[in-house]
Amino acid sequence: MQRRHLIALAAATLTASGTFAQATYPAKPIRLIVPFAPGGTTDIIARVVADPLGKALGQAVVVDNKAGAGGIIGAAEAARAAPDGYTLSVATVSTTAANPAINTKITYDPVTDFVPVINIAATPNLIAVNPSFPAKDYKSFVDLLKKSPGQFSYASSGTGGIGHLQTELWKSLAGLFVTHIPYRGAGPALNDVVAGQVPIIFDNVPSSLPFIKSGRLVPLVVAAPQRLADLPNVPTFKEVGLEPVNRMAYYGILAPKGTPKDIVDKVNAATKKVLEDAAVKKRIEDTGSFIIANTPEQFAQQIKDELAVYKQVVAKQKLTLQ
């Protein structure tokens, strides 16, 4: 009789293990790896969310910047972490789609080595030019580039980043030839375009907007679902007939492969709750971003879709690491 009781108790414990894990998680602080340096859009959004998320979960969420190689170093470290919910990471298009599409030496698979938790927000990108550039609107810009193939160049944050591959996607669809000038980061690339060293850039709206407002950059077209309130006269790629380029940069949370579903669901629910807070929502939207707050399954599909798009770009444009 006692033996049967022990067996039944063990079975009940195993059945309830998921509920038990969810009830006790988290029991210590959570590390949130940001695969870029402090100060960029990825870092800003992570820090806006981290503190209130920690309060919602009952344990501190500590941001850990692990920059390098266009986000690859931090993403690789996150993929190797224990799948216990105590190491999470911020996913971007660069770390989950653009870089993996072009770099065959990446040590992680963005689809199979992570469990998507939630897409926090997405940020529009845009094409902007130095004020000295002859064209000041999108149609004149394209007309000039078509008449002068190879005579103009664009700056990016580096080979394999979203700025590089999104520009190549645009070039392939628009039938243009513009020379790529890779930099070691978006900041240096942006600075040289503002200084007139390179005439064109495809950049995140948050980092370019101050220069646009001060008249040191001219925006031509934006990758966003609709025109932006800050740039009401700038058309979207859909409006100029290139809707496939209307791809925003996302910022989501990933867990390592094997992380229990109940933990993933708990972090997802807590993050959604945080994103409903008016103060958090405003701080994120002030960066020029849109709140997404979707399900793990929806975010997983977004990652797969972006990776497929940029793999096609790499193949069509015959892109390689330089």
Protein backbone atom coordinates (compact mmCIF):
# COMPACT_ATOMS: atom_id res chain seq x y z
CA MET A 1 0.00 0.00 0.00
CA GLN A 2 2.77 2.38 0.93
CA ARG A 3 4.62 1.55 -2.31
CA ARG A 4 1.52 2.38 -4.38
CA HIS A 5 1.15 5.64 -2.50
CA LEU A 6 4.76 6.63 -3.24
CA ILE A 7 4.38 5.80 -6.94
CA ALA A 8 1.19 7.88 -7.15
CA LEU A 9 2.88 10.75 -5.35
CA ALA A 10 5.85 10.63 -7.74
CA ALA A 11 3.54 10.64 -10.77
CA ALA A 12 1.61 13.59 -9.41
CA THR A 13 4.86 15.47 -8.80
CA LEU A 14 6.04 14.86 -12.37
CA THR A 15 2.66 15.95 -13.76
CA ALA A 16 2.77 19.15 -11.75
CA SER A 17 6.44 19.90 -12.43
CA GLY A 18 5.64 22.48 -15.08
CA THR A 19 3.24 24.28 -12.76
CA PHE A 20 5.82 24.10 -9.96
CA ALA A 21 8.54 25.58 -12.20
CA GLN A 22 6.29 28.44 -13.22
CA ALA A 23 5.27 29.11 -9.63
CA THR A 24 8.88 29.29 -8.38
CA TYR A 25 10.49 31.04 -11.37
CA PRO A 26 12.31 33.36 -11.04
CA ALA A 27 14.10 32.70 -7.77
CA LYS A 28 17.13 34.88 -8.57
CA PRO A 29 18.06 37.83 -10.84
CA ILE A 30 17.78 37.39 -14.62
CA ARG A 31 20.56 38.38 -17.01
CA LEU A 32 19.46 40.11 -20.23
CA ILE A 33 22.23 40.05 -22.84
CA VAL A 34 22.22 43.02 -25.21
CA PRO A 35 24.53 42.14 -28.12
CA PHE A 36 25.45 45.77 -28.82
CA ALA A 37 27.20 48.61 -27.01
CA PRO A 38 25.33 50.94 -24.64
CA GLY A 39 23.54 53.92 -26.15
CA GLY A 40 22.08 52.43 -29.34
CA THR A 41 18.40 51.74 -29.98
CA THR A 42 18.72 48.08 -28.93
CA ASP A 43 20.27 49.06 -25.60
CA ILE A 44 17.78 51.87 -25.00
CA ILE A 45 14.74 49.62 -25.49
CA ALA A 46 16.27 46.86 -23.35
CA ARG A 47 16.86 49.27 -20.47
CA VAL A 48 13.40 50.81 -20.74
CA VAL A 49 11.88 47.34 -20.30
CA ALA A 50 14.38 45.71 -17.90
CA ASP A 51 13.51 47.49 -14.66
CA PRO A 52 9.70 47.23 -14.87
CA LEU A 53 10.01 43.65 -16.15
CA GLY A 54 12.06 42.79 -13.08
CA LYS A 55 9.35 44.27 -10.86
CA ALA A 56 6.66 42.33 -12.71
CA LEU A 57 8.58 39.06 -12.29
CA GLY A 58 9.70 39.73 -8.73
CA GLN A 59 13.44 39.56 -9.48
CA ALA A 60 15.86 42.07 -11.00
CA VAL A 61 16.48 41.93 -14.76
CA VAL A 62 20.10 43.01 -15.28
CA VAL A 63 21.21 44.31 -18.70
CA ASP A 64 24.58 42.90 -19.80
CA ASN A 65 26.08 44.51 -22.94
CA LYS A 66 28.14 42.02 -24.95
CA ALA A 67 29.03 43.95 -28.11
CA GLY A 68 31.13 42.92 -31.08
CA ALA A 69 30.99 41.52 -34.62
CA GLY A 70 27.65 43.12 -35.43
CA GLY A 71 25.92 41.46 -32.50
CA ILE A 72 27.28 37.97 -33.18
CA ILE A 73 29.41 37.73 -30.02
CA GLY A 74 26.55 38.47 -27.65
CA ALA A 75 24.08 36.31 -29.58
CA ALA A 76 26.48 33.36 -29.57
CA GLU A 77 26.98 33.67 -25.82
CA ALA A 78 23.22 33.79 -25.30
CA ALA A 79 22.76 30.64 -27.40
CA ARG A 80 25.24 28.75 -25.18
CA ALA A 81 23.54 29.76 -21.92
CA ALA A 82 21.72 27.29 -19.67
CA PRO A 83 18.03 26.93 -20.69
CA ASP A 84 16.72 27.80 -17.24
CA GLY A 85 15.25 31.24 -17.87
CA TYR A 86 18.03 33.09 -16.05
CA THR A 87 19.82 34.20 -19.22
CA LEU A 88 17.71 35.92 -21.85
CA SER A 89 18.85 38.06 -24.78
CA VAL A 90 17.65 40.82 -27.06
CA ALA A 91 17.16 39.76 -30.66
CA THR A 92 17.57 42.10 -33.62
CA VAL A 93 17.28 41.65 -37.37
CA SER A 94 21.07 41.85 -37.56
CA THR A 95 21.62 38.98 -35.11
CA THR A 96 18.77 36.71 -36.26
CA ALA A 97 18.53 37.37 -40.00
CA ALA A 98 20.99 39.70 -41.73
CA ASN A 99 24.26 38.42 -40.30
CA PRO A 100 23.25 34.74 -40.33
CA ALA A 101 22.21 35.10 -43.96
CA ILE A 102 25.65 36.21 -45.10
CA ASN A 103 28.08 34.83 -42.50
CA THR A 104 28.61 31.08 -42.84
CA LYS A 105 30.91 31.00 -39.79
CA ILE A 106 28.33 32.04 -37.22
CA THR A 107 28.30 29.47 -34.41
CA TYR A 108 24.56 29.60 -33.74
CA ASP A 109 21.39 28.96 -35.73
CA PRO A 110 18.91 31.81 -35.19
CA VAL A 111 15.94 29.50 -35.71
CA THR A 112 16.90 26.30 -33.85
CA ASP A 113 19.22 27.56 -31.07
CA PHE A 114 16.73 29.93 -29.45
CA VAL A 115 13.17 29.99 -28.18
CA PRO A 116 11.47 33.26 -29.18
CA VAL A 117 9.68 34.87 -26.24
CA ILE A 118 8.24 38.16 -27.51
CA ASN A 119 8.88 40.92 -30.02
CA ILE A 120 8.93 44.06 -27.88
CA ALA A 121 8.98 46.72 -30.57
CA ALA A 122 9.98 47.54 -34.12
CA THR A 123 11.76 50.61 -35.42
CA PRO A 124 11.43 52.14 -38.90
CA ASN A 125 14.48 52.58 -41.11
CA LEU A 126 15.01 55.20 -43.78
CA ILE A 127 17.20 56.33 -46.64
CA ALA A 128 18.73 59.75 -46.06
CA VAL A 129 21.32 61.83 -47.89
CA ASN A 130 23.71 64.61 -47.09
CA PRO A 131 22.16 68.06 -47.83
CA SER A 132 24.74 68.60 -50.59
CA PHE A 133 23.31 65.67 -52.57
CA PRO A 134 21.72 66.95 -55.82
CA ALA A 135 18.39 65.15 -55.27
CA LYS A 136 16.09 66.13 -52.41
CA ASP A 137 13.15 63.78 -52.99
CA TYR A 138 12.86 60.06 -53.68
CA LYS A 139 11.90 60.23 -57.38
CA SER A 140 14.74 62.62 -58.26
CA PHE A 141 17.08 60.48 -56.17
CA VAL A 142 16.28 57.27 -58.08
CA ASP A 143 16.39 59.05 -61.45
CA LEU A 144 19.87 60.36 -60.68
CA LEU A 145 21.15 56.97 -59.51
CA LYS A 146 19.82 55.26 -62.64
CA LYS A 147 21.59 57.82 -64.84
CA SER A 148 24.84 57.40 -62.89
CA PRO A 149 25.35 53.69 -62.04
CA GLY A 150 28.28 53.13 -59.69
CA GLN A 151 29.05 56.83 -59.25
CA PHE A 152 27.50 57.11 -55.79
CA SER A 153 28.10 55.19 -52.56
CA TYR A 154 26.22 54.45 -49.37
CA ALA A 155 27.44 53.92 -45.82
CA SER A 156 26.37 51.07 -43.53
CA SER A 157 27.15 49.87 -40.03
CA GLY A 158 29.12 46.99 -41.55
CA THR A 159 28.93 44.06 -43.92
CA GLY A 160 26.07 41.78 -42.93
CA GLY A 161 24.17 44.30 -40.81
CA ILE A 162 20.59 45.31 -41.46
CA GLY A 163 21.67 48.61 -43.04
CA HIS A 164 23.76 46.71 -45.58
CA LEU A 165 21.28 43.98 -46.47
CA GLN A 166 18.21 46.21 -46.49
CA THR A 167 19.97 48.56 -48.88
CA GLU A 168 20.90 45.60 -51.07
CA LEU A 169 17.26 44.46 -51.01
CA TRP A 170 16.20 47.93 -52.13
CA LYS A 171 18.89 48.02 -54.86
CA SER A 172 17.85 44.63 -56.20
CA LEU A 173 14.18 45.63 -56.46
CA ALA A 174 14.83 49.13 -57.78
CA GLY A 175 17.43 47.97 -60.30
CA LEU A 176 20.18 50.26 -59.00
CA PHE A 177 23.95 50.04 -58.60
CA VAL A 178 25.29 51.98 -55.62
CA THR A 179 28.66 51.16 -54.04
CA HIS A 180 28.71 49.85 -50.47
CA ILE A 181 31.05 51.49 -47.93
CA PRO A 182 31.00 49.41 -44.70
CA TYR A 183 31.88 50.98 -41.35
CA ARG A 184 32.50 49.56 -37.88
CA GLY A 185 29.17 50.60 -36.47
CA ALA A 186 26.20 52.77 -37.33
CA GLY A 187 27.62 55.77 -35.45
CA PRO A 188 30.75 56.19 -37.58
CA ALA A 189 28.75 55.57 -40.76
CA LEU A 190 26.20 58.20 -39.82
CA ASN A 191 28.89 60.70 -38.84
CA ASP A 192 30.60 60.41 -42.24
CA VAL A 193 27.33 60.89 -44.12
CA VAL A 194 26.55 63.96 -42.03
CA ALA A 195 30.08 65.21 -42.74
CA GLY A 196 29.65 64.63 -46.47
CA GLN A 197 32.30 61.91 -46.81
CA VAL A 198 29.66 59.47 -48.13
CA PRO A 199 26.40 60.80 -49.59
CA ILE A 200 23.81 58.11 -48.69
CA ILE A 201 22.81 56.00 -45.69
CA PHE A 202 20.10 53.47 -44.81
CA ASP A 203 19.70 53.93 -41.05
CA ASN A 204 17.37 53.54 -38.06
CA VAL A 205 15.05 56.51 -37.64
CA PRO A 206 16.00 57.17 -33.96
CA SER A 207 19.68 57.76 -34.69
CA SER A 208 19.09 59.79 -37.86
CA LEU A 209 16.19 61.91 -36.64
CA PRO A 210 18.23 64.49 -34.67
CA PHE A 211 20.34 65.19 -37.77
CA ILE A 212 17.22 65.42 -39.93
CA LYS A 213 15.61 67.90 -37.55
CA SER A 214 18.77 70.02 -37.51
CA GLY A 215 18.96 70.04 -41.32
CA ARG A 216 22.14 67.95 -41.55
CA LEU A 217 20.42 65.02 -43.27
CA VAL A 218 17.62 64.91 -45.84
CA PRO A 219 15.17 61.96 -45.52
CA LEU A 220 13.89 60.48 -48.78
CA VAL A 221 11.88 57.35 -47.99
CA VAL A 222 10.99 55.39 -44.86
CA ALA A 223 10.46 51.68 -44.15
CA ALA A 224 7.33 51.81 -41.98
CA PRO A 225 3.67 50.75 -42.09
CA GLN A 226 2.61 54.37 -42.58
CA ARG A 227 4.16 57.82 -42.73
CA LEU A 228 5.74 58.92 -39.48
CA ALA A 229 4.41 61.82 -37.44
CA ASP A 230 7.92 63.28 -37.24
CA LEU A 231 8.38 62.97 -41.03
CA PRO A 232 4.94 63.59 -42.53
CA ASN A 233 6.26 64.52 -45.98
CA VAL A 234 8.46 61.43 -46.38
CA PRO A 235 6.78 58.54 -48.29
CA THR A 236 6.98 54.89 -47.29
CA PHE A 237 8.50 52.24 -49.54
CA LYS A 238 4.98 50.98 -50.21
CA GLU A 239 4.04 54.38 -51.57
CA VAL A 240 6.98 54.36 -54.00
CA GLY A 241 6.11 50.86 -55.22
CA LEU A 242 8.62 48.84 -53.20
CA GLU A 243 6.53 47.36 -50.38
CA PRO A 244 8.95 44.40 -49.78
CA VAL A 245 11.51 46.92 -48.47
CA ASN A 246 9.02 48.12 -45.83
CA ARG A 247 10.79 46.01 -43.20
CA MET A 248 11.34 47.46 -39.75
CA ALA A 249 14.11 46.60 -37.31
CA TYR A 250 12.72 44.50 -34.46
CA TYR A 251 13.84 44.20 -30.83
CA GLY A 252 12.63 41.07 -29.10
CA ILE A 253 13.51 38.69 -26.30
CA LEU A 254 14.97 35.22 -26.86
CA ALA A 255 15.66 32.34 -24.49
CA PRO A 256 18.17 29.54 -25.15
CA LYS A 257 16.95 26.37 -26.86
CA GLY A 258 15.33 24.01 -24.35
CA THR A 259 13.92 26.67 -22.05
CA PRO A 260 10.64 25.29 -20.60
CA LYS A 261 7.46 26.61 -22.18
CA ASP A 262 5.99 27.69 -18.84
CA ILE A 263 8.97 29.98 -18.25
CA VAL A 264 8.71 31.39 -21.79
CA ASP A 265 5.01 32.03 -21.30
CA LYS A 266 5.60 33.69 -17.93
CA VAL A 267 8.20 36.10 -19.36
CA ASN A 268 5.94 36.80 -22.34
CA ALA A 269 2.97 37.64 -20.10
CA ALA A 270 5.07 39.82 -17.80
CA THR A 271 6.58 41.72 -20.76
CA LYS A 272 3.14 42.33 -22.26
CA LYS A 273 2.01 43.72 -18.93
CA VAL A 274 5.03 46.05 -18.85
CA LEU A 275 4.35 47.26 -22.39
CA GLU A 276 0.78 48.22 -21.41
CA ASP A 277 2.15 50.77 -18.95
CA ALA A 278 1.69 54.27 -20.38
CA ALA A 279 5.11 55.52 -19.24
CA VAL A 280 6.96 52.54 -20.75
CA LYS A 281 4.95 52.79 -23.96
CA LYS A 282 5.78 56.49 -24.30
CA ARG A 283 9.51 55.98 -23.70
CA ILE A 284 9.66 53.32 -26.42
CA GLU A 285 7.54 55.30 -28.87
CA ASP A 286 9.72 58.36 -28.23
CA THR A 287 12.59 56.44 -29.87
CA GLY A 288 10.49 56.27 -33.06
CA SER A 289 9.51 52.64 -32.42
CA PHE A 290 6.18 50.84 -32.51
CA ILE A 291 5.06 48.49 -29.71
CA ILE A 292 4.55 44.92 -31.04
CA ALA A 293 4.02 42.67 -27.95
CA ASN A 294 3.16 39.48 -29.85
CA THR A 295 3.15 35.77 -28.99
CA PRO A 296 6.21 33.47 -29.00
CA GLU A 297 4.81 31.73 -32.07
CA GLN A 298 4.29 34.99 -33.95
CA PHE A 299 7.80 36.19 -33.13
CA ALA A 300 9.25 32.85 -34.24
CA GLN A 301 7.55 33.26 -37.61
CA GLN A 302 8.86 36.82 -37.96
CA ILE A 303 12.42 35.60 -37.44
CA LYS A 304 11.99 32.84 -40.04
CA ASP A 305 10.49 35.29 -42.53
CA GLU A 306 13.31 37.84 -42.12
CA LEU A 307 15.99 35.18 -42.43
CA ALA A 308 14.41 33.86 -45.64
CA VAL A 309 14.23 37.38 -47.14
CA TYR A 310 17.87 38.17 -46.46
CA LYS A 311 19.10 34.78 -47.63
CA GLN A 312 17.44 35.60 -50.96
CA VAL A 313 19.09 39.02 -51.00
CA VAL A 314 22.53 37.50 -50.36
CA ALA A 315 22.04 34.97 -53.16
CA LYS A 316 20.60 37.43 -55.68
CA GLN A 317 23.18 40.14 -55.03
CA LYS A 318 26.03 37.60 -54.71
CA LEU A 319 27.07 39.13 -51.40
CA THR A 320 30.06 37.88 -49.39
CA LEU A 321 31.88 39.02 -46.28
CA GLN A 322 34.68 41.42 -47.16
